[in-house]
Amino acid sequence: MATFTTYPGSGTFPGGNTFPGTSTTAAALTYETDNTGTGTGTYSLGLPKAYETDNTGTGIGSYLLAYAGKFSFVTSTIGIGTGTYLLTLAVYTGPTLVASVDPLALPPRILVQAFNIGGPAGNVTRLDPDGASRPVREGDPVSLSGGGAVIFDYEMPYNQPVRYTITPTAAPSSPTSSISVTLSVTRPWLVHPGVPFLSQPLTVQLLADETMPANVGIHDILQRETPITISDGRRKAPRSTLQVKTMTRPQADALDQLLLDESPLLLQITYPFTTEQVYAWITVLDVNRARRTAMFGDPSRVWVLPYVEVDRPTGAIQSVRTWQDIINQYDTWQDLMDDFKTWRGVLTGLRGT
């Protein structure tokens, strides 16, 4: 499907025309073939690439372009090629899924936008570098309004290409996939799956060796040289210890609140010049907050976080709280301040420690 419109309506030549919007892959308009500058010759339109599948005019997706015919010019012939032109633009309006980096978001995330998808809902999955297709938390499933939806993915692997697919829940609609997108991140993060705003960047001091326990019973038998072993047949998930540092009281409070509800967390450790990457869902066990010095009032801490790897948790992302939510819950500012220590608590609804 396509809709047609005249774009942009006028232009000055010679020279290229950046089209559409700020796209660097311009639809280059070349000189008229007879080079008279009067507008009586013919112009050719070069379309090296097609962009703009998301229909936003920003050059992110793909456009299907059609040349409307010979360019028409105003009567004035001041300057070579000065005049106006008409260009017919055919915008693709079929099923579209666009994935792009949300550059200012913290924690890092991918913006996934669906357009013209059939059905009341769809399931969004992410194809990861290991070849596995995994559900996206906000898209499992996502409701479609007018065939469209906007979701955020906070759980994609950093610095590796991923691709998204939406499959309508109403048959017989076909899946629609995005192009690959890579989110570049240069420091470790500990991400809360249910309340992403609680997530924190980490200053890692140590990632200890891993232990993989075995649930094995050793039974020594009378008059038998070797014991009999009985196990449940499956070695357990890795255990390790993460050691991180905070330098200020706000940093410590933020990490403390992240760990408060004992939810499984996503640990990603990545650096720009290493090939190894840690991507693990973990449950943090007993937390030790060691003082770095004996100096009274020093806010810096070294956090010793023993953990065990766990399965990706189910559940959805908490809805964003608004001022209306606060007004509905509290009568006065004092009531609000009595309940929460920080603005982080107000936003998330978690009172903290």
Protein backbone atom coordinates (compact mmCIF):
# COMPACT_ATOMS: atom_id res chain seq x y z
CA MET A 1 0.00 0.00 0.00
CA ALA A 2 1.13 3.55 -0.65
CA THR A 3 -0.08 7.11 -0.31
CA PHE A 4 1.01 9.89 -2.66
CA THR A 5 1.90 13.47 -1.89
CA THR A 6 3.85 16.32 -3.51
CA TYR A 7 7.14 16.92 -1.72
CA PRO A 8 8.69 19.37 -1.02
CA GLY A 9 7.20 21.68 -3.67
CA SER A 10 10.12 23.96 -4.56
CA GLY A 11 13.86 23.95 -4.80
CA THR A 12 16.90 25.77 -6.11
CA PHE A 13 19.37 24.17 -8.53
CA PRO A 14 22.09 23.31 -9.38
CA GLY A 15 23.05 21.19 -6.41
CA GLY A 16 21.75 18.16 -4.58
CA ASN A 17 18.60 18.05 -2.59
CA THR A 18 18.72 16.30 0.78
CA PHE A 19 15.67 14.11 0.80
CA PRO A 20 13.86 13.34 2.99
CA GLY A 21 14.49 15.42 6.09
CA THR A 22 18.02 15.11 7.44
CA SER A 23 18.80 11.81 5.72
CA THR A 24 22.37 11.67 4.46
CA THR A 25 21.30 9.43 1.59
CA ALA A 26 19.80 12.16 -0.56
CA ALA A 27 17.67 11.74 -3.61
CA ALA A 28 20.09 13.61 -5.87
CA LEU A 29 18.52 15.95 -8.47
CA THR A 30 20.89 16.36 -11.41
CA TYR A 31 21.23 19.16 -14.01
CA GLU A 32 18.81 19.50 -16.87
CA THR A 33 19.99 17.56 -19.89
CA ASP A 34 20.37 20.49 -22.30
CA ASN A 35 22.14 22.72 -19.69
CA THR A 36 20.39 25.86 -20.93
CA GLY A 37 19.26 26.99 -17.49
CA THR A 38 15.86 27.89 -18.89
CA GLY A 39 13.95 24.93 -17.48
CA THR A 40 13.01 23.76 -20.97
CA GLY A 41 15.19 20.66 -20.85
CA THR A 42 14.64 17.47 -18.89
CA TYR A 43 15.99 16.62 -15.45
CA SER A 44 16.89 13.20 -14.16
CA LEU A 45 16.31 12.04 -10.60
CA GLY A 46 18.84 9.76 -8.92
CA LEU A 47 17.55 7.46 -6.16
CA PRO A 48 20.53 5.47 -4.89
CA LYS A 49 18.69 4.10 -1.85
CA ALA A 50 15.16 3.97 -0.43
CA TYR A 51 14.56 5.03 3.16
CA GLU A 52 11.88 5.82 5.71
CA THR A 53 9.76 2.77 6.56
CA ASP A 54 8.55 4.43 9.75
CA ASN A 55 6.91 7.32 7.83
CA THR A 56 8.40 9.95 10.15
CA GLY A 57 10.41 11.88 7.55
CA THR A 58 13.63 11.53 9.54
CA GLY A 59 15.42 9.16 7.18
CA ILE A 60 15.38 6.23 9.63
CA GLY A 61 13.31 3.77 7.63
CA SER A 62 12.66 3.55 3.87
CA TYR A 63 10.64 5.49 1.32
CA LEU A 64 9.40 4.28 -2.02
CA LEU A 65 9.88 7.20 -4.43
CA ALA A 66 8.30 7.92 -7.79
CA TYR A 67 9.31 10.71 -10.19
CA ALA A 68 6.26 12.66 -11.33
CA GLY A 69 7.66 13.56 -14.75
CA LYS A 70 9.36 16.61 -16.25
CA PHE A 71 10.16 19.44 -13.85
CA SER A 72 8.32 22.74 -14.37
CA PHE A 73 10.01 26.09 -13.80
CA VAL A 74 8.99 29.67 -13.05
CA THR A 75 9.31 32.29 -15.81
CA SER A 76 12.37 33.91 -14.24
CA THR A 77 15.65 32.49 -15.55
CA ILE A 78 17.94 34.22 -13.04
CA GLY A 79 20.65 31.70 -12.21
CA ILE A 80 21.27 28.35 -13.78
CA GLY A 81 18.49 25.92 -12.97
CA THR A 82 16.56 28.27 -10.67
CA GLY A 83 12.89 27.33 -10.46
CA THR A 84 10.38 24.98 -8.93
CA TYR A 85 9.80 21.27 -9.27
CA LEU A 86 7.20 18.70 -8.38
CA LEU A 87 8.06 15.28 -7.01
CA THR A 88 5.58 12.55 -6.19
CA LEU A 89 6.39 10.63 -3.02
CA ALA A 90 4.96 7.16 -2.47
CA VAL A 91 5.03 6.33 1.25
CA TYR A 92 4.80 2.65 2.13
CA THR A 93 1.88 2.05 4.51
CA GLY A 94 2.07 -1.72 4.89
CA PRO A 95 3.10 -3.57 8.09
CA THR A 96 6.28 -2.01 9.46
CA LEU A 97 8.47 -2.53 12.53
CA VAL A 98 11.25 -0.02 13.24
CA ALA A 99 13.93 -0.50 15.95
CA SER A 100 16.24 2.38 16.85
CA VAL A 101 18.56 3.44 19.66
CA ASP A 102 17.00 5.79 22.21
CA PRO A 103 20.17 7.90 22.59
CA LEU A 104 19.49 9.85 25.81
CA ALA A 105 17.74 7.14 27.82
CA LEU A 106 19.17 5.81 31.08
CA PRO A 107 19.30 2.90 31.47
CA PRO A 108 20.20 2.25 27.81
CA ARG A 109 17.29 1.00 25.73
CA ILE A 110 16.00 0.28 22.23
CA LEU A 111 12.87 1.99 20.94
CA VAL A 112 10.63 -0.37 18.93
CA GLN A 113 7.77 1.13 16.89
CA ALA A 114 5.07 -0.84 15.07
CA PHE A 115 2.96 0.58 12.23
CA ASN A 116 0.00 -0.82 10.30
CA ILE A 117 0.01 -4.20 12.00
CA GLY A 118 -3.21 -6.18 11.75
CA GLY A 119 -5.07 -7.45 14.79
CA PRO A 120 -5.76 -6.14 18.30
CA ALA A 121 -2.40 -7.29 19.70
CA GLY A 122 0.98 -8.69 18.73
CA ASN A 123 3.90 -10.56 20.25
CA VAL A 124 7.29 -8.82 19.92
CA THR A 125 10.41 -10.97 20.05
CA ARG A 126 14.12 -10.16 19.79
CA LEU A 127 16.57 -12.25 17.77
CA ASP A 128 19.77 -12.26 19.81
CA PRO A 129 23.34 -12.88 18.56
CA ASP A 130 23.26 -16.46 19.88
CA GLY A 131 20.44 -17.23 17.44
CA ALA A 132 17.73 -17.50 20.10
CA SER A 133 14.46 -15.60 19.77
CA ARG A 134 13.38 -14.09 23.10
CA PRO A 135 10.22 -12.21 24.11
CA VAL A 136 10.47 -8.46 24.72
CA ARG A 137 9.02 -7.64 28.12
CA GLU A 138 6.65 -4.86 27.03
CA GLY A 139 5.68 -6.78 23.90
CA ASP A 140 4.61 -10.08 25.39
CA PRO A 141 2.03 -9.26 24.04
CA VAL A 142 1.48 -5.58 23.23
CA SER A 143 -1.91 -4.00 22.48
CA LEU A 144 -2.15 -2.36 19.05
CA SER A 145 -3.93 0.96 18.66
CA GLY A 146 -4.77 1.65 15.02
CA GLY A 147 -2.25 -1.01 14.09
CA GLY A 148 0.56 0.75 15.97
CA ALA A 149 2.48 0.46 19.23
CA VAL A 150 5.56 1.90 20.93
CA ILE A 151 7.59 -0.21 23.34
CA PHE A 152 11.04 -0.07 24.94
CA ASP A 153 13.50 -2.91 25.35
CA TYR A 154 15.90 -2.59 28.30
CA GLU A 155 17.23 -6.15 28.10
CA MET A 156 19.02 -6.39 24.72
CA PRO A 157 22.71 -7.43 24.75
CA TYR A 158 24.98 -4.40 24.53
CA ASN A 159 27.28 -3.78 21.55
CA GLN A 160 25.82 -6.62 19.48
CA PRO A 161 23.31 -6.54 16.60
CA VAL A 162 19.75 -7.61 17.38
CA ARG A 163 16.59 -7.71 15.28
CA TYR A 164 12.94 -7.50 16.31
CA THR A 165 9.84 -9.25 14.98
CA ILE A 166 6.16 -8.65 15.72
CA THR A 167 3.67 -11.46 15.14
CA PRO A 168 -0.02 -10.47 15.30
CA THR A 169 -2.07 -12.61 17.64
CA ALA A 170 -4.93 -12.67 15.13
CA ALA A 171 -4.35 -15.21 12.35
CA PRO A 172 -3.59 -15.31 9.47
CA SER A 173 -1.45 -12.15 9.72
CA SER A 174 2.25 -12.64 8.91
CA PRO A 175 5.23 -11.62 11.10
CA THR A 176 6.99 -8.33 10.36
CA SER A 177 10.69 -7.83 11.18
CA SER A 178 12.92 -4.81 11.65
CA ILE A 179 16.44 -4.28 10.37
CA SER A 180 19.30 -5.01 12.79
CA VAL A 181 20.18 -2.41 15.42
CA THR A 182 23.16 -2.22 17.80
CA LEU A 183 23.16 -0.36 21.13
CA SER A 184 26.68 0.82 22.03
CA VAL A 185 27.38 0.91 25.77
CA THR A 186 30.78 1.42 27.40
CA ARG A 187 30.18 0.61 31.07
CA PRO A 188 28.54 -2.13 33.16
CA TRP A 189 24.89 -1.89 34.21
CA LEU A 190 22.65 -3.69 36.70
CA VAL A 191 19.10 -3.50 35.32
CA HIS A 192 15.84 -3.95 37.22
CA PRO A 193 13.35 -5.68 34.87
CA GLY A 194 10.16 -4.46 36.54
CA VAL A 195 11.19 -0.87 37.36
CA PRO A 196 13.93 0.08 34.84
CA PHE A 197 14.33 3.54 36.42
CA LEU A 198 15.96 1.83 39.43
CA SER A 199 18.76 0.43 37.23
CA GLN A 200 22.29 1.61 37.96
CA PRO A 201 25.63 1.89 36.16
CA LEU A 202 28.37 0.06 38.04
CA THR A 203 31.99 0.69 38.89
CA VAL A 204 33.19 -2.91 39.03
CA GLN A 205 36.25 -3.71 41.12
CA LEU A 206 36.10 -7.50 40.92
CA LEU A 207 34.14 -10.29 39.31
CA ALA A 208 35.20 -13.41 41.18
CA ASP A 209 35.66 -16.95 39.86
CA GLU A 210 32.50 -18.93 39.22
CA THR A 211 31.42 -22.00 41.16
CA MET A 212 28.99 -24.54 39.67
CA PRO A 213 27.73 -26.73 42.55
CA ALA A 214 26.78 -30.37 42.20
CA ASN A 215 24.01 -31.91 44.28
CA VAL A 216 25.80 -35.21 44.86
CA GLY A 217 25.71 -37.64 47.77
CA ILE A 218 28.84 -39.70 48.44
CA HIS A 219 28.14 -43.01 50.17
CA ASP A 220 31.01 -45.16 51.45
CA ILE A 221 30.06 -48.84 51.60
CA LEU A 222 31.59 -51.41 53.95
CA GLN A 223 34.23 -53.56 52.26
CA ARG A 224 34.00 -51.49 49.06
CA GLU A 225 37.01 -49.45 47.92
CA THR A 226 35.10 -46.81 45.96
CA PRO A 227 31.99 -45.00 47.16
CA ILE A 228 28.59 -45.00 45.51
CA THR A 229 27.43 -41.59 44.32
CA ILE A 230 23.86 -40.45 43.95
CA SER A 231 23.00 -37.17 42.23
CA ASP A 232 20.00 -35.43 40.73
CA GLY A 233 21.73 -35.53 37.32
CA ARG A 234 22.16 -31.81 36.74
CA ARG A 235 24.94 -29.43 37.77
CA LYS A 236 23.65 -26.18 39.21
CA ALA A 237 23.84 -22.64 37.83
CA PRO A 238 27.03 -20.63 38.35
CA ARG A 239 27.60 -18.73 41.58
CA SER A 240 30.02 -15.87 41.93
CA THR A 241 30.65 -12.59 43.71
CA LEU A 242 30.48 -9.11 42.24
CA GLN A 243 32.40 -6.32 43.94
CA VAL A 244 31.45 -2.75 43.08
CA LYS A 245 32.28 0.70 44.41
CA THR A 246 30.17 3.76 45.19
CA MET A 247 31.79 7.10 46.03
CA THR A 248 28.87 9.27 47.19
CA ARG A 249 25.85 8.90 49.40
CA PRO A 250 23.38 9.34 46.50
CA GLN A 251 25.16 6.57 44.58
CA ALA A 252 24.92 4.29 47.61
CA ASP A 253 21.24 5.13 48.15
CA ALA A 254 20.44 4.39 44.50
CA LEU A 255 22.19 1.01 44.58
CA ASP A 256 20.57 0.23 47.93
CA GLN A 257 17.13 0.88 46.46
CA LEU A 258 17.88 -1.23 43.38
CA LEU A 259 18.64 -4.21 45.65
CA LEU A 260 15.78 -3.55 48.06
CA ASP A 261 13.03 -5.82 46.69
CA GLU A 262 15.32 -8.81 45.97
CA SER A 263 14.13 -9.07 42.35
CA PRO A 264 16.28 -10.94 39.83
CA LEU A 265 18.46 -8.38 38.02
CA LEU A 266 20.16 -8.29 34.63
CA LEU A 267 23.94 -7.91 34.92
CA GLN A 268 25.76 -6.70 31.81
CA ILE A 269 29.48 -6.06 31.96
CA THR A 270 30.96 -4.73 28.74
CA TYR A 271 33.89 -2.55 27.83
CA PRO A 272 34.84 -0.98 24.51
CA PHE A 273 38.07 -2.89 24.01
CA THR A 274 37.28 -6.41 25.22
CA THR A 275 35.62 -9.28 23.43
CA GLU A 276 34.15 -11.01 26.48
CA GLN A 277 30.75 -9.85 27.67
CA VAL A 278 28.82 -10.79 30.79
CA TYR A 279 25.06 -11.10 30.23
CA ALA A 280 23.42 -12.85 33.17
CA TRP A 281 20.21 -12.78 35.15
CA ILE A 282 21.22 -12.94 38.80
CA THR A 283 19.73 -13.01 42.27
CA VAL A 284 21.91 -11.14 44.76
CA LEU A 285 22.25 -12.87 48.14
CA ASP A 286 23.50 -11.25 51.38
CA VAL A 287 24.89 -7.78 50.71
CA ASN A 288 28.02 -6.54 52.44
CA ARG A 289 28.68 -2.76 52.36
CA ALA A 290 32.29 -2.31 53.41
CA ARG A 291 33.66 1.10 54.42
CA ARG A 292 36.74 1.93 52.38
CA THR A 293 38.35 3.98 55.16
CA ALA A 294 37.94 4.41 58.90
CA MET A 295 37.45 8.15 58.43
CA PHE A 296 34.18 9.31 60.00
CA GLY A 297 31.67 10.54 57.44
CA ASP A 298 33.38 9.02 54.38
CA PRO A 299 30.44 8.02 52.12
CA SER A 300 32.44 5.70 49.84
CA ARG A 301 31.60 2.01 50.03
CA VAL A 302 32.75 -1.26 48.52
CA TRP A 303 29.77 -3.53 47.93
CA VAL A 304 30.35 -7.28 48.04
CA LEU A 305 27.44 -8.91 46.21
CA PRO A 306 27.40 -12.73 46.13
CA TYR A 307 24.95 -13.95 43.52
CA VAL A 308 23.56 -16.97 41.73
CA GLU A 309 22.50 -17.03 38.08
CA VAL A 310 18.76 -17.52 37.56
CA ASP A 311 16.21 -17.69 34.73
CA ARG A 312 14.87 -14.53 33.15
CA PRO A 313 11.94 -13.44 35.33
CA THR A 314 8.43 -13.11 33.96
CA GLY A 315 6.20 -10.09 34.47
CA ALA A 316 5.78 -6.64 32.97
CA ILE A 317 7.40 -3.25 33.38
CA GLN A 318 5.81 -0.95 35.94
CA SER A 319 3.68 1.78 34.40
CA VAL A 320 5.15 5.28 34.60
CA ARG A 321 3.71 7.20 37.56
CA THR A 322 2.28 10.65 36.86
CA TRP A 323 1.45 13.68 38.98
CA GLN A 324 -2.18 12.57 38.85
CA ASP A 325 -1.16 9.36 40.61
CA ILE A 326 0.48 11.42 43.36
CA ILE A 327 -2.53 13.72 43.72
CA ASN A 328 -4.85 10.73 44.00
CA GLN A 329 -2.70 9.23 46.74
CA TYR A 330 -1.66 12.21 48.89
CA ASP A 331 -3.54 15.21 50.24
CA THR A 332 -0.51 17.40 51.08
CA TRP A 333 3.20 17.77 50.32
CA GLN A 334 3.93 16.78 53.92
CA ASP A 335 2.10 13.48 53.44
CA LEU A 336 4.24 12.83 50.37
CA MET A 337 7.50 13.72 52.15
CA ASP A 338 6.55 11.52 55.12
CA ASP A 339 6.31 8.54 52.74
CA PHE A 340 9.35 9.04 50.50
CA LYS A 341 12.96 9.99 51.09
CA THR A 342 13.85 10.78 47.49
CA TRP A 343 12.36 11.80 44.14
CA ARG A 344 13.41 8.37 42.91
CA GLY A 345 10.98 6.90 45.40
CA VAL A 346 8.20 9.25 44.28
CA LEU A 347 8.70 8.21 40.65
CA THR A 348 8.90 4.47 41.28
CA GLY A 349 6.52 4.20 44.21
CA LEU A 350 9.18 2.34 46.23
CA ARG A 351 9.85 4.00 49.57
CA GLY A 352 13.47 2.93 49.82
CA THR A 353 15.57 2.52 52.94
